Amino acid sequence: MSKEHPIELLVSKRTQVWLLRASLLGMLLGGALITVSVDQPKALAMAATLLVLVLAAVVLVLRARTPEAACGLCRATRAQVKTLVTGSSLAVCDQCAPLTLGVVTEYFVEKKDTLEWCKRILQAMPRGAPRSLTRPVIALMLDNCRDNAEIIRSIASDCARFEDSDQMADVCSRIAEKDRTDSDWIGLGAAAAGARRYDEALAATETALTTAKGANRALGLNNRAWIRAVREPSATSDELAALLQDLDEAKTILLAATSDEKRYVMPNLFGTEAKLLRALGDHAAALRALEQSTQHEPMSPMRHLIRAQILLDQDRAHDAAADLASALAHTHPESFVAKEANELRSRL
């Protein structure tokens, strides 16, 4: 026979403090009413009742526990489980979490809402979840998207979160060409480049540049320069200089862009510039470009990788190792950056 659990009050520590303060105020109020109601039996009874209720609330609050103490479903303590996920007034252990997910899944299966069901599963997965888990769920979503461009864009965002360029390129290509915006073409180009499908990446980016304006054009110019640099590693100095001119044009365009657009695009420009300058042999200028990128956002895994490559060119293996460690710590373990970083680290 299962043991019955008593009803417990589960509140955060902050809530406990506020309840105790309210109870103290109630006690003071009840005491004051008793003092002034000595000759009024009805008022005295009401004051006494209030005082009793306040005292009961104090006892209840003192017996309450915080969500860190145990799982709100099975009552297992933190010491008895591997993981306890806590909120402001509830905790759920790793053994009960699948149960809650199962209840949600059953609801969406009954509603025949596969897309929402898959979305909830993806949201529960960490960024570093293995491809073997994320790809089937994303593929199922794609099968149920009914070729709706907005839904496909949302699925592409999920691929980007998991840094899966291969699957993202396939997802982006599902948007009908007549429905593609400049951003869609740029996204397809970037994903194809990450999947090392450089011809497809360059074609999509060139298509975007035929109509793109503002920050989109700046990003397209950056991506084209990057794709050509990695596609043609033996490019001449004149060809590399021409790509740097594209980046100068992009920077000029961004002068009129919003602060959010600059924050998003400008670091990429400096990263591409560093890659081109490294190919030209100007390591000092390449490092300065990477330093400038940090004025807009912290170093990304890709820029850590570029800096590690430059430092290795300068025989600064110790410094390069630190950048490779930073790159690996902040990127998906199956991403292109992770593979490149691990390959470089094996040569140290």
C-alpha atoms as a PDB file:
ATOM      1  CA  MET A   1       0.000   0.000   0.000  1.00  0.00           C
ATOM      2  CA  SER A   2       1.368   3.359  -0.923  1.00  0.00           C
ATOM      3  CA  LYS A   3       2.002   5.858   1.822  1.00  0.00           C
ATOM      4  CA  GLU A   4      -0.185   8.957   1.771  1.00  0.00           C
ATOM      5  CA  HIS A   5       1.709  12.249   1.753  1.00  0.00           C
ATOM      6  CA  PRO A   6       0.321  15.109   3.850  1.00  0.00           C
ATOM      7  CA  ILE A   7      -0.587  18.336   2.121  1.00  0.00           C
ATOM      8  CA  GLU A   8       2.368  20.721   2.319  1.00  0.00           C
ATOM      9  CA  LEU A   9       2.876  24.382   1.563  1.00  0.00           C
ATOM     10  CA  LEU A  10       5.630  24.754  -1.042  1.00  0.00           C
ATOM     11  CA  VAL A  11       6.892  28.320  -1.405  1.00  0.00           C
ATOM     12  CA  SER A  12      10.095  30.135  -2.235  1.00  0.00           C
ATOM     13  CA  LYS A  13      12.222  31.635   0.523  1.00  0.00           C
ATOM     14  CA  ARG A  14      11.254  35.116  -0.635  1.00  0.00           C
ATOM     15  CA  THR A  15       7.561  34.251  -0.396  1.00  0.00           C
ATOM     16  CA  GLN A  16       8.112  32.830   3.086  1.00  0.00           C
ATOM     17  CA  VAL A  17       9.619  36.125   4.229  1.00  0.00           C
ATOM     18  CA  TRP A  18       6.679  38.130   2.881  1.00  0.00           C
ATOM     19  CA  LEU A  19       4.132  35.749   4.441  1.00  0.00           C
ATOM     20  CA  LEU A  20       5.842  36.003   7.816  1.00  0.00           C
ATOM     21  CA  ARG A  21       5.843  39.800   7.564  1.00  0.00           C
ATOM     22  CA  ALA A  22       2.126  39.790   6.698  1.00  0.00           C
ATOM     23  CA  SER A  23       1.458  37.412   9.595  1.00  0.00           C
ATOM     24  CA  LEU A  24       3.361  39.664  12.000  1.00  0.00           C
ATOM     25  CA  LEU A  25       1.303  42.621  10.838  1.00  0.00           C
ATOM     26  CA  GLY A  26      -1.873  40.580  11.348  1.00  0.00           C
ATOM     27  CA  MET A  27      -0.804  39.670  14.880  1.00  0.00           C
ATOM     28  CA  LEU A  28      -0.180  43.300  15.738  1.00  0.00           C
ATOM     29  CA  LEU A  29      -3.541  44.271  14.288  1.00  0.00           C
ATOM     30  CA  GLY A  30      -5.307  41.459  16.190  1.00  0.00           C
ATOM     31  CA  GLY A  31      -3.616  42.469  19.447  1.00  0.00           C
ATOM     32  CA  ALA A  32      -4.621  46.084  18.931  1.00  0.00           C
ATOM     33  CA  LEU A  33      -8.243  45.086  18.263  1.00  0.00           C
ATOM     34  CA  ILE A  34      -8.351  42.970  21.424  1.00  0.00           C
ATOM     35  CA  THR A  35      -7.007  45.903  23.444  1.00  0.00           C
ATOM     36  CA  VAL A  36      -9.655  48.320  22.214  1.00  0.00           C
ATOM     37  CA  SER A  37     -12.533  45.790  22.217  1.00  0.00           C
ATOM     38  CA  VAL A  38     -12.523  44.698  25.848  1.00  0.00           C
ATOM     39  CA  ASP A  39     -16.071  46.031  26.427  1.00  0.00           C
ATOM     40  CA  GLN A  40     -17.414  44.866  23.031  1.00  0.00           C
ATOM     41  CA  PRO A  41     -17.971  41.071  23.012  1.00  0.00           C
ATOM     42  CA  LYS A  42     -18.620  40.749  19.260  1.00  0.00           C
ATOM     43  CA  ALA A  43     -15.606  42.808  18.285  1.00  0.00           C
ATOM     44  CA  LEU A  44     -13.513  40.915  20.831  1.00  0.00           C
ATOM     45  CA  ALA A  45     -14.591  37.583  19.320  1.00  0.00           C
ATOM     46  CA  MET A  46     -13.699  38.792  15.816  1.00  0.00           C
ATOM     47  CA  ALA A  47     -10.300  40.022  17.006  1.00  0.00           C
ATOM     48  CA  ALA A  48      -9.612  36.707  18.740  1.00  0.00           C
ATOM     49  CA  THR A  49     -10.614  34.777  15.598  1.00  0.00           C
ATOM     50  CA  LEU A  50      -8.283  36.931  13.489  1.00  0.00           C
ATOM     51  CA  LEU A  51      -5.441  36.320  15.931  1.00  0.00           C
ATOM     52  CA  VAL A  52      -6.010  32.547  15.844  1.00  0.00           C
ATOM     53  CA  LEU A  53      -6.027  32.543  12.018  1.00  0.00           C
ATOM     54  CA  VAL A  54      -2.829  34.578  11.930  1.00  0.00           C
ATOM     55  CA  LEU A  55      -1.138  32.208  14.388  1.00  0.00           C
ATOM     56  CA  ALA A  56      -2.233  29.232  12.238  1.00  0.00           C
ATOM     57  CA  ALA A  57      -0.767  30.958   9.158  1.00  0.00           C
ATOM     58  CA  VAL A  58       2.522  31.510  11.003  1.00  0.00           C
ATOM     59  CA  VAL A  59       2.719  27.818  11.916  1.00  0.00           C
ATOM     60  CA  LEU A  60       1.941  26.829   8.309  1.00  0.00           C
ATOM     61  CA  VAL A  61       4.568  29.155   6.880  1.00  0.00           C
ATOM     62  CA  LEU A  62       7.182  27.944   9.344  1.00  0.00           C
ATOM     63  CA  ARG A  63       6.427  24.345   8.303  1.00  0.00           C
ATOM     64  CA  ALA A  64       6.600  25.233   4.605  1.00  0.00           C
ATOM     65  CA  ARG A  65       9.599  24.174   2.590  1.00  0.00           C
ATOM     66  CA  THR A  66      11.338  25.641  -0.424  1.00  0.00           C
ATOM     67  CA  PRO A  67      11.263  23.925  -3.839  1.00  0.00           C
ATOM     68  CA  GLU A  68      14.967  23.092  -3.434  1.00  0.00           C
ATOM     69  CA  ALA A  69      14.051  20.647  -0.661  1.00  0.00           C
ATOM     70  CA  ALA A  70      12.335  17.945  -2.751  1.00  0.00           C
ATOM     71  CA  CYS A  71      10.444  17.102  -5.928  1.00  0.00           C
ATOM     72  CA  GLY A  72       6.896  18.425  -5.855  1.00  0.00           C
ATOM     73  CA  LEU A  73       5.550  15.237  -7.481  1.00  0.00           C
ATOM     74  CA  CYS A  74       7.325  12.275  -5.848  1.00  0.00           C
ATOM     75  CA  ARG A  75       8.762  14.078  -2.775  1.00  0.00           C
ATOM     76  CA  ALA A  76      12.272  12.729  -3.512  1.00  0.00           C
ATOM     77  CA  THR A  77      14.936  14.963  -1.993  1.00  0.00           C
ATOM     78  CA  ARG A  78      17.872  16.456  -3.895  1.00  0.00           C
ATOM     79  CA  ALA A  79      20.177  13.825  -2.392  1.00  0.00           C
ATOM     80  CA  GLN A  80      17.968  11.015  -3.732  1.00  0.00           C
ATOM     81  CA  VAL A  81      17.921  12.099  -7.399  1.00  0.00           C
ATOM     82  CA  LYS A  82      20.471  13.032 -10.038  1.00  0.00           C
ATOM     83  CA  THR A  83      18.883  16.367 -10.949  1.00  0.00           C
ATOM     84  CA  LEU A  84      16.278  18.599  -9.336  1.00  0.00           C
ATOM     85  CA  VAL A  85      14.922  21.399 -11.525  1.00  0.00           C
ATOM     86  CA  THR A  86      13.630  24.152  -9.257  1.00  0.00           C
ATOM     87  CA  GLY A  87      11.310  27.079  -9.841  1.00  0.00           C
ATOM     88  CA  SER A  88       9.936  29.792  -7.589  1.00  0.00           C
ATOM     89  CA  SER A  89       7.400  27.460  -5.979  1.00  0.00           C
ATOM     90  CA  LEU A  90       7.907  23.995  -7.483  1.00  0.00           C
ATOM     91  CA  ALA A  91      10.689  21.489  -8.076  1.00  0.00           C
ATOM     92  CA  VAL A  92      10.664  18.501 -10.447  1.00  0.00           C
ATOM     93  CA  CYS A  93      13.255  15.725 -10.374  1.00  0.00           C
ATOM     94  CA  ASP A  94      14.791  13.995 -13.396  1.00  0.00           C
ATOM     95  CA  GLN A  95      12.643  10.905 -12.736  1.00  0.00           C
ATOM     96  CA  CYS A  96       9.369  12.847 -12.893  1.00  0.00           C
ATOM     97  CA  ALA A  97      10.333  15.182 -15.769  1.00  0.00           C
ATOM     98  CA  PRO A  98       9.635  12.483 -18.434  1.00  0.00           C
ATOM     99  CA  LEU A  99       6.203  11.982 -16.866  1.00  0.00           C
ATOM    100  CA  THR A 100       5.314  15.654 -17.300  1.00  0.00           C
ATOM    101  CA  LEU A 101       6.657  15.626 -20.867  1.00  0.00           C
ATOM    102  CA  GLY A 102       4.605  12.503 -21.530  1.00  0.00           C
ATOM    103  CA  VAL A 103       1.427  14.218 -20.363  1.00  0.00           C
ATOM    104  CA  VAL A 104       2.096  17.199 -22.636  1.00  0.00           C
ATOM    105  CA  THR A 105       2.958  14.887 -25.548  1.00  0.00           C
ATOM    106  CA  GLU A 106      -0.233  12.877 -25.091  1.00  0.00           C
ATOM    107  CA  TYR A 107      -2.262  16.090 -25.201  1.00  0.00           C
ATOM    108  CA  PHE A 108      -0.732  17.238 -28.492  1.00  0.00           C
ATOM    109  CA  VAL A 109      -0.987  13.753 -30.013  1.00  0.00           C
ATOM    110  CA  GLU A 110      -4.711  13.730 -29.234  1.00  0.00           C
ATOM    111  CA  LYS A 111      -4.993  17.165 -30.870  1.00  0.00           C
ATOM    112  CA  LYS A 112      -3.011  15.820 -33.866  1.00  0.00           C
ATOM    113  CA  ASP A 113      -0.736  18.857 -33.539  1.00  0.00           C
ATOM    114  CA  THR A 114       2.579  17.267 -34.496  1.00  0.00           C
ATOM    115  CA  LEU A 115       4.327  20.576 -35.094  1.00  0.00           C
ATOM    116  CA  GLU A 116       3.576  21.929 -31.627  1.00  0.00           C
ATOM    117  CA  TRP A 117       4.492  18.603 -30.055  1.00  0.00           C
ATOM    118  CA  CYS A 118       7.879  18.584 -31.801  1.00  0.00           C
ATOM    119  CA  LYS A 119       8.449  22.251 -30.960  1.00  0.00           C
ATOM    120  CA  ARG A 120       7.973  21.551 -27.258  1.00  0.00           C
ATOM    121  CA  ILE A 121      10.444  18.666 -27.424  1.00  0.00           C
ATOM    122  CA  LEU A 122      13.055  20.812 -29.182  1.00  0.00           C
ATOM    123  CA  GLN A 123      12.617  23.606 -26.646  1.00  0.00           C
ATOM    124  CA  ALA A 124      13.369  21.122 -23.873  1.00  0.00           C
ATOM    125  CA  MET A 125      16.627  20.025 -25.522  1.00  0.00           C
ATOM    126  CA  PRO A 126      19.885  21.827 -24.665  1.00  0.00           C
ATOM    127  CA  ARG A 127      21.864  23.554 -27.438  1.00  0.00           C
ATOM    128  CA  GLY A 128      24.438  20.786 -27.347  1.00  0.00           C
ATOM    129  CA  ALA A 129      21.937  17.963 -27.881  1.00  0.00           C
ATOM    130  CA  PRO A 130      23.269  15.254 -30.246  1.00  0.00           C
ATOM    131  CA  ARG A 131      22.271  15.381 -33.913  1.00  0.00           C
ATOM    132  CA  SER A 132      20.854  11.877 -33.514  1.00  0.00           C
ATOM    133  CA  LEU A 133      18.155  13.406 -31.268  1.00  0.00           C
ATOM    134  CA  THR A 134      17.486  16.756 -32.944  1.00  0.00           C
ATOM    135  CA  ARG A 135      17.511  15.757 -36.608  1.00  0.00           C
ATOM    136  CA  PRO A 136      14.616  13.238 -36.496  1.00  0.00           C
ATOM    137  CA  VAL A 137      12.403  15.717 -34.630  1.00  0.00           C
ATOM    138  CA  ILE A 138      13.215  18.541 -37.068  1.00  0.00           C
ATOM    139  CA  ALA A 139      12.645  16.190 -40.017  1.00  0.00           C
ATOM    140  CA  LEU A 140       9.223  15.283 -38.599  1.00  0.00           C
ATOM    141  CA  MET A 141       8.376  18.974 -38.268  1.00  0.00           C
ATOM    142  CA  LEU A 142       9.424  19.551 -41.865  1.00  0.00           C
ATOM    143  CA  ASP A 143       7.198  16.696 -43.024  1.00  0.00           C
ATOM    144  CA  ASN A 144       4.235  18.420 -41.351  1.00  0.00           C
ATOM    145  CA  CYS A 145       4.977  22.026 -42.315  1.00  0.00           C
ATOM    146  CA  ARG A 146       2.652  21.933 -45.345  1.00  0.00           C
ATOM    147  CA  ASP A 147       5.303  23.988 -47.197  1.00  0.00           C
ATOM    148  CA  ASN A 148       4.303  27.050 -45.208  1.00  0.00           C
ATOM    149  CA  ALA A 149       7.171  29.549 -45.571  1.00  0.00           C
ATOM    150  CA  GLU A 150       6.740  31.014 -42.077  1.00  0.00           C
ATOM    151  CA  ILE A 151       6.781  27.580 -40.448  1.00  0.00           C
ATOM    152  CA  ILE A 152       9.850  26.570 -42.469  1.00  0.00           C
ATOM    153  CA  ARG A 153      11.650  29.748 -41.333  1.00  0.00           C
ATOM    154  CA  SER A 154      10.849  28.822 -37.729  1.00  0.00           C
ATOM    155  CA  ILE A 155      12.240  25.320 -38.283  1.00  0.00           C
ATOM    156  CA  ALA A 156      15.384  26.842 -39.814  1.00  0.00           C
ATOM    157  CA  SER A 157      15.797  28.886 -36.623  1.00  0.00           C
ATOM    158  CA  ASP A 158      15.695  25.651 -34.640  1.00  0.00           C
ATOM    159  CA  CYS A 159      18.471  24.247 -36.845  1.00  0.00           C
ATOM    160  CA  ALA A 160      20.511  27.412 -36.248  1.00  0.00           C
ATOM    161  CA  ARG A 161      20.086  27.015 -32.482  1.00  0.00           C
ATOM    162  CA  PHE A 162      21.618  23.548 -32.700  1.00  0.00           C
ATOM    163  CA  GLU A 163      24.287  24.816 -35.159  1.00  0.00           C
ATOM    164  CA  ASP A 164      23.285  22.175 -37.714  1.00  0.00           C
ATOM    165  CA  SER A 165      24.252  23.810 -41.016  1.00  0.00           C
ATOM    166  CA  ASP A 166      23.640  20.670 -43.080  1.00  0.00           C
ATOM    167  CA  GLN A 167      20.041  20.283 -41.985  1.00  0.00           C
ATOM    168  CA  MET A 168      19.453  24.043 -41.996  1.00  0.00           C
ATOM    169  CA  ALA A 169      20.491  24.246 -45.658  1.00  0.00           C
ATOM    170  CA  ASP A 170      18.022  21.475 -46.531  1.00  0.00           C
ATOM    171  CA  VAL A 171      15.272  23.202 -44.533  1.00  0.00           C
ATOM    172  CA  CYS A 172      15.894  26.621 -46.136  1.00  0.00           C
ATOM    173  CA  SER A 173      15.790  25.084 -49.591  1.00  0.00           C
ATOM    174  CA  ARG A 174      12.205  23.915 -48.871  1.00  0.00           C
ATOM    175  CA  ILE A 175      10.933  27.491 -49.087  1.00  0.00           C
ATOM    176  CA  ALA A 176       9.537  27.977 -52.578  1.00  0.00           C
ATOM    177  CA  GLU A 177      11.698  30.389 -54.576  1.00  0.00           C
ATOM    178  CA  LYS A 178       8.706  32.634 -55.249  1.00  0.00           C
ATOM    179  CA  ASP A 179       8.263  33.041 -51.490  1.00  0.00           C
ATOM    180  CA  ARG A 180      11.914  33.632 -50.587  1.00  0.00           C
ATOM    181  CA  THR A 181      12.979  36.979 -49.204  1.00  0.00           C
ATOM    182  CA  ASP A 182      16.503  38.411 -49.283  1.00  0.00           C
ATOM    183  CA  SER A 183      16.951  37.098 -45.740  1.00  0.00           C
ATOM    184  CA  ASP A 184      15.905  33.611 -46.883  1.00  0.00           C
ATOM    185  CA  TRP A 185      18.512  33.603 -49.646  1.00  0.00           C
ATOM    186  CA  ILE A 186      21.172  34.883 -47.244  1.00  0.00           C
ATOM    187  CA  GLY A 187      20.228  32.252 -44.674  1.00  0.00           C
ATOM    188  CA  LEU A 188      20.379  29.506 -47.306  1.00  0.00           C
ATOM    189  CA  GLY A 189      23.789  30.745 -48.445  1.00  0.00           C
ATOM    190  CA  ALA A 190      25.178  30.873 -44.915  1.00  0.00           C
ATOM    191  CA  ALA A 191      23.849  27.404 -44.061  1.00  0.00           C
ATOM    192  CA  ALA A 192      25.190  25.889 -47.279  1.00  0.00           C
ATOM    193  CA  ALA A 193      28.581  27.473 -46.582  1.00  0.00           C
ATOM    194  CA  GLY A 194      28.584  25.962 -43.094  1.00  0.00           C
ATOM    195  CA  ALA A 195      27.832  22.599 -44.712  1.00  0.00           C
ATOM    196  CA  ARG A 196      30.762  23.182 -47.134  1.00  0.00           C
ATOM    197  CA  ARG A 197      28.430  23.263 -50.123  1.00  0.00           C
ATOM    198  CA  TYR A 198      30.216  26.309 -51.456  1.00  0.00           C
ATOM    199  CA  ASP A 199      28.807  26.451 -54.997  1.00  0.00           C
ATOM    200  CA  GLU A 200      25.257  26.353 -53.646  1.00  0.00           C
ATOM    201  CA  ALA A 201      26.191  28.895 -50.974  1.00  0.00           C
ATOM    202  CA  LEU A 202      27.677  31.339 -53.459  1.00  0.00           C
ATOM    203  CA  ALA A 203      24.710  31.025 -55.852  1.00  0.00           C
ATOM    204  CA  ALA A 204      22.194  31.751 -53.067  1.00  0.00           C
ATOM    205  CA  THR A 205      24.225  34.715 -51.799  1.00  0.00           C
ATOM    206  CA  GLU A 206      24.594  36.209 -55.279  1.00  0.00           C
ATOM    207  CA  THR A 207      20.820  35.928 -55.726  1.00  0.00           C
ATOM    208  CA  ALA A 208      20.286  37.803 -52.458  1.00  0.00           C
ATOM    209  CA  LEU A 209      22.664  40.574 -53.519  1.00  0.00           C
ATOM    210  CA  THR A 210      20.649  41.302 -56.657  1.00  0.00           C
ATOM    211  CA  THR A 211      17.913  42.908 -54.541  1.00  0.00           C
ATOM    212  CA  ALA A 212      19.203  43.161 -50.946  1.00  0.00           C
ATOM    213  CA  LYS A 213      19.550  46.598 -49.402  1.00  0.00           C
ATOM    214  CA  GLY A 214      20.763  48.038 -46.105  1.00  0.00           C
ATOM    215  CA  ALA A 215      22.013  45.617 -43.472  1.00  0.00           C
ATOM    216  CA  ASN A 216      20.956  42.638 -45.590  1.00  0.00           C
ATOM    217  CA  ARG A 217      23.241  43.802 -48.400  1.00  0.00           C
ATOM    218  CA  ALA A 218      26.082  44.341 -45.927  1.00  0.00           C
ATOM    219  CA  LEU A 219      25.615  40.820 -44.598  1.00  0.00           C
ATOM    220  CA  GLY A 220      25.413  39.438 -48.135  1.00  0.00           C
ATOM    221  CA  LEU A 221      28.683  41.153 -49.095  1.00  0.00           C
ATOM    222  CA  ASN A 222      30.326  39.736 -45.985  1.00  0.00           C
ATOM    223  CA  ASN A 223      29.064  36.222 -46.693  1.00  0.00           C
ATOM    224  CA  ARG A 224      30.177  36.354 -50.327  1.00  0.00           C
ATOM    225  CA  ALA A 225      33.680  37.385 -49.280  1.00  0.00           C
ATOM    226  CA  TRP A 226      33.801  34.604 -46.683  1.00  0.00           C
ATOM    227  CA  ILE A 227      32.527  31.930 -49.095  1.00  0.00           C
ATOM    228  CA  ARG A 228      35.017  32.918 -51.789  1.00  0.00           C
ATOM    229  CA  ALA A 229      37.852  32.954 -49.272  1.00  0.00           C
ATOM    230  CA  VAL A 230      37.168  29.395 -48.079  1.00  0.00           C
ATOM    231  CA  ARG A 231      36.185  28.143 -51.541  1.00  0.00           C
ATOM    232  CA  GLU A 232      39.365  29.456 -53.150  1.00  0.00           C
ATOM    233  CA  PRO A 233      42.180  29.057 -50.573  1.00  0.00           C
ATOM    234  CA  SER A 234      44.793  29.795 -53.246  1.00  0.00           C
ATOM    235  CA  ALA A 235      43.280  33.171 -54.212  1.00  0.00           C
ATOM    236  CA  THR A 236      45.741  35.807 -55.399  1.00  0.00           C
ATOM    237  CA  SER A 237      46.552  38.979 -53.494  1.00  0.00           C
ATOM    238  CA  ASP A 238      44.510  41.005 -55.981  1.00  0.00           C
ATOM    239  CA  GLU A 239      41.491  38.732 -55.495  1.00  0.00           C
ATOM    240  CA  LEU A 240      41.779  38.983 -51.707  1.00  0.00           C
ATOM    241  CA  ALA A 241      42.119  42.772 -51.955  1.00  0.00           C
ATOM    242  CA  ALA A 242      38.902  42.889 -54.009  1.00  0.00           C
ATOM    243  CA  LEU A 243      37.111  40.938 -51.273  1.00  0.00           C
ATOM    244  CA  LEU A 244      38.372  43.419 -48.692  1.00  0.00           C
ATOM    245  CA  GLN A 245      36.849  46.196 -50.810  1.00  0.00           C
ATOM    246  CA  ASP A 246      33.495  44.382 -50.539  1.00  0.00           C
ATOM    247  CA  LEU A 247      33.871  44.513 -46.774  1.00  0.00           C
ATOM    248  CA  ASP A 248      34.644  48.240 -46.917  1.00  0.00           C
ATOM    249  CA  GLU A 249      31.409  48.742 -48.864  1.00  0.00           C
ATOM    250  CA  ALA A 250      29.532  46.733 -46.245  1.00  0.00           C
ATOM    251  CA  LYS A 251      30.974  48.878 -43.438  1.00  0.00           C
ATOM    252  CA  THR A 252      29.901  52.027 -45.271  1.00  0.00           C
ATOM    253  CA  ILE A 253      26.367  50.656 -45.601  1.00  0.00           C
ATOM    254  CA  LEU A 254      26.247  49.899 -41.870  1.00  0.00           C
ATOM    255  CA  LEU A 255      26.961  53.535 -41.008  1.00  0.00           C
ATOM    256  CA  ALA A 256      23.264  54.173 -41.714  1.00  0.00           C
ATOM    257  CA  ALA A 257      22.044  50.978 -40.036  1.00  0.00           C
ATOM    258  CA  THR A 258      20.380  50.653 -36.648  1.00  0.00           C
ATOM    259  CA  SER A 259      22.421  49.767 -33.586  1.00  0.00           C
ATOM    260  CA  ASP A 260      20.908  46.253 -33.520  1.00  0.00           C
ATOM    261  CA  GLU A 261      21.846  45.668 -37.169  1.00  0.00           C
ATOM    262  CA  LYS A 262      25.395  46.880 -36.524  1.00  0.00           C
ATOM    263  CA  ARG A 263      25.679  44.638 -33.472  1.00  0.00           C
ATOM    264  CA  TYR A 264      24.581  41.648 -35.553  1.00  0.00           C
ATOM    265  CA  VAL A 265      26.530  42.237 -38.780  1.00  0.00           C
ATOM    266  CA  MET A 266      29.656  44.196 -37.826  1.00  0.00           C
ATOM    267  CA  PRO A 267      31.372  41.415 -35.809  1.00  0.00           C
ATOM    268  CA  ASN A 268      30.985  39.110 -38.809  1.00  0.00           C
ATOM    269  CA  LEU A 269      32.651  41.716 -41.025  1.00  0.00           C
ATOM    270  CA  PHE A 270      35.656  41.922 -38.716  1.00  0.00           C
ATOM    271  CA  GLY A 271      35.878  38.132 -38.545  1.00  0.00           C
ATOM    272  CA  THR A 272      35.896  37.833 -42.347  1.00  0.00           C
ATOM    273  CA  GLU A 273      38.390  40.693 -42.575  1.00  0.00           C
ATOM    274  CA  ALA A 274      40.700  38.853 -40.173  1.00  0.00           C
ATOM    275  CA  LYS A 275      40.485  35.718 -42.305  1.00  0.00           C
ATOM    276  CA  LEU A 276      41.366  37.651 -45.478  1.00  0.00           C
ATOM    277  CA  LEU A 277      44.214  39.525 -43.803  1.00  0.00           C
ATOM    278  CA  ARG A 278      45.628  36.259 -42.511  1.00  0.00           C
ATOM    279  CA  ALA A 279      45.573  34.899 -46.076  1.00  0.00           C
ATOM    280  CA  LEU A 280      47.487  38.030 -47.135  1.00  0.00           C
ATOM    281  CA  GLY A 281      50.041  37.362 -44.395  1.00  0.00           C
ATOM    282  CA  ASP A 282      49.229  40.486 -42.364  1.00  0.00           C
ATOM    283  CA  HIS A 283      48.808  38.806 -38.977  1.00  0.00           C
ATOM    284  CA  ALA A 284      49.021  41.998 -36.929  1.00  0.00           C
ATOM    285  CA  ALA A 285      46.181  43.629 -38.868  1.00  0.00           C
ATOM    286  CA  ALA A 286      44.159  40.398 -38.638  1.00  0.00           C
ATOM    287  CA  LEU A 287      44.474  40.362 -34.841  1.00  0.00           C
ATOM    288  CA  ARG A 288      43.459  44.030 -34.693  1.00  0.00           C
ATOM    289  CA  ALA A 289      40.334  43.242 -36.720  1.00  0.00           C
ATOM    290  CA  LEU A 290      39.367  40.511 -34.255  1.00  0.00           C
ATOM    291  CA  GLU A 291      39.931  42.901 -31.361  1.00  0.00           C
ATOM    292  CA  GLN A 292      37.634  45.448 -33.043  1.00  0.00           C
ATOM    293  CA  SER A 293      34.894  42.824 -33.258  1.00  0.00           C
ATOM    294  CA  THR A 294      34.790  42.657 -29.450  1.00  0.00           C
ATOM    295  CA  GLN A 295      33.539  46.256 -29.375  1.00  0.00           C
ATOM    296  CA  HIS A 296      30.214  44.909 -30.654  1.00  0.00           C
ATOM    297  CA  GLU A 297      29.977  41.494 -28.984  1.00  0.00           C
ATOM    298  CA  PRO A 298      32.199  38.940 -27.216  1.00  0.00           C
ATOM    299  CA  MET A 299      34.361  36.710 -29.389  1.00  0.00           C
ATOM    300  CA  SER A 300      32.330  34.006 -31.118  1.00  0.00           C
ATOM    301  CA  PRO A 301      33.604  30.412 -31.443  1.00  0.00           C
ATOM    302  CA  MET A 302      34.410  31.038 -35.127  1.00  0.00           C
ATOM    303  CA  ARG A 303      36.469  34.133 -34.340  1.00  0.00           C
ATOM    304  CA  HIS A 304      38.268  32.242 -31.562  1.00  0.00           C
ATOM    305  CA  LEU A 305      39.105  29.629 -34.193  1.00  0.00           C
ATOM    306  CA  ILE A 306      40.424  32.276 -36.613  1.00  0.00           C
ATOM    307  CA  ARG A 307      42.582  33.811 -33.894  1.00  0.00           C
ATOM    308  CA  ALA A 308      43.943  30.375 -32.970  1.00  0.00           C
ATOM    309  CA  GLN A 309      44.943  29.842 -36.610  1.00  0.00           C
ATOM    310  CA  ILE A 310      46.724  33.213 -36.684  1.00  0.00           C
ATOM    311  CA  LEU A 311      48.522  32.486 -33.402  1.00  0.00           C
ATOM    312  CA  LEU A 312      49.659  29.115 -34.699  1.00  0.00           C
ATOM    313  CA  ASP A 313      51.067  30.871 -37.779  1.00  0.00           C
ATOM    314  CA  GLN A 314      53.118  32.917 -35.314  1.00  0.00           C
ATOM    315  CA  ASP A 315      54.256  29.796 -33.396  1.00  0.00           C
ATOM    316  CA  ARG A 316      52.267  30.850 -30.326  1.00  0.00           C
ATOM    317  CA  ALA A 317      50.879  27.419 -29.566  1.00  0.00           C
ATOM    318  CA  HIS A 318      50.090  28.134 -25.897  1.00  0.00           C
ATOM    319  CA  ASP A 319      47.945  31.171 -26.744  1.00  0.00           C
ATOM    320  CA  ALA A 320      46.317  29.276 -29.612  1.00  0.00           C
ATOM    321  CA  ALA A 321      45.361  26.451 -27.245  1.00  0.00           C
ATOM    322  CA  ALA A 322      43.452  28.906 -25.033  1.00  0.00           C
ATOM    323  CA  ASP A 323      41.452  30.171 -28.023  1.00  0.00           C
ATOM    324  CA  LEU A 324      40.706  26.633 -29.176  1.00  0.00           C
ATOM    325  CA  ALA A 325      39.458  25.772 -25.686  1.00  0.00           C
ATOM    326  CA  SER A 326      37.161  28.824 -25.744  1.00  0.00           C
ATOM    327  CA  ALA A 327      35.865  27.885 -29.185  1.00  0.00           C
ATOM    328  CA  LEU A 328      35.069  24.329 -28.104  1.00  0.00           C
ATOM    329  CA  ALA A 329      33.435  25.479 -24.864  1.00  0.00           C
ATOM    330  CA  HIS A 330      30.887  27.644 -26.683  1.00  0.00           C
ATOM    331  CA  THR A 331      30.026  25.678 -29.806  1.00  0.00           C
ATOM    332  CA  HIS A 332      28.085  22.503 -30.546  1.00  0.00           C
ATOM    333  CA  PRO A 333      30.371  19.444 -30.256  1.00  0.00           C
ATOM    334  CA  GLU A 334      29.324  18.291 -33.762  1.00  0.00           C
ATOM    335  CA  SER A 335      29.590  21.692 -35.448  1.00  0.00           C
ATOM    336  CA  PHE A 336      32.010  22.689 -38.192  1.00  0.00           C
ATOM    337  CA  VAL A 337      33.886  24.945 -35.758  1.00  0.00           C
ATOM    338  CA  ALA A 338      34.270  22.098 -33.248  1.00  0.00           C
ATOM    339  CA  LYS A 339      35.656  19.778 -35.896  1.00  0.00           C
ATOM    340  CA  GLU A 340      38.164  22.384 -37.083  1.00  0.00           C
ATOM    341  CA  ALA A 341      39.161  23.258 -33.505  1.00  0.00           C
ATOM    342  CA  ASN A 342      39.686  19.609 -32.550  1.00  0.00           C
ATOM    343  CA  GLU A 343      41.765  19.040 -35.664  1.00  0.00           C
ATOM    344  CA  LEU A 344      43.976  22.027 -34.842  1.00  0.00           C
ATOM    345  CA  ARG A 345      44.286  20.999 -31.198  1.00  0.00           C
ATOM    346  CA  SER A 346      45.461  17.519 -32.215  1.00  0.00           C
ATOM    347  CA  ARG A 347      48.379  19.162 -34.020  1.00  0.00           C
ATOM    348  CA  LEU A 348      49.575  21.190 -31.025  1.00  0.00           C
END
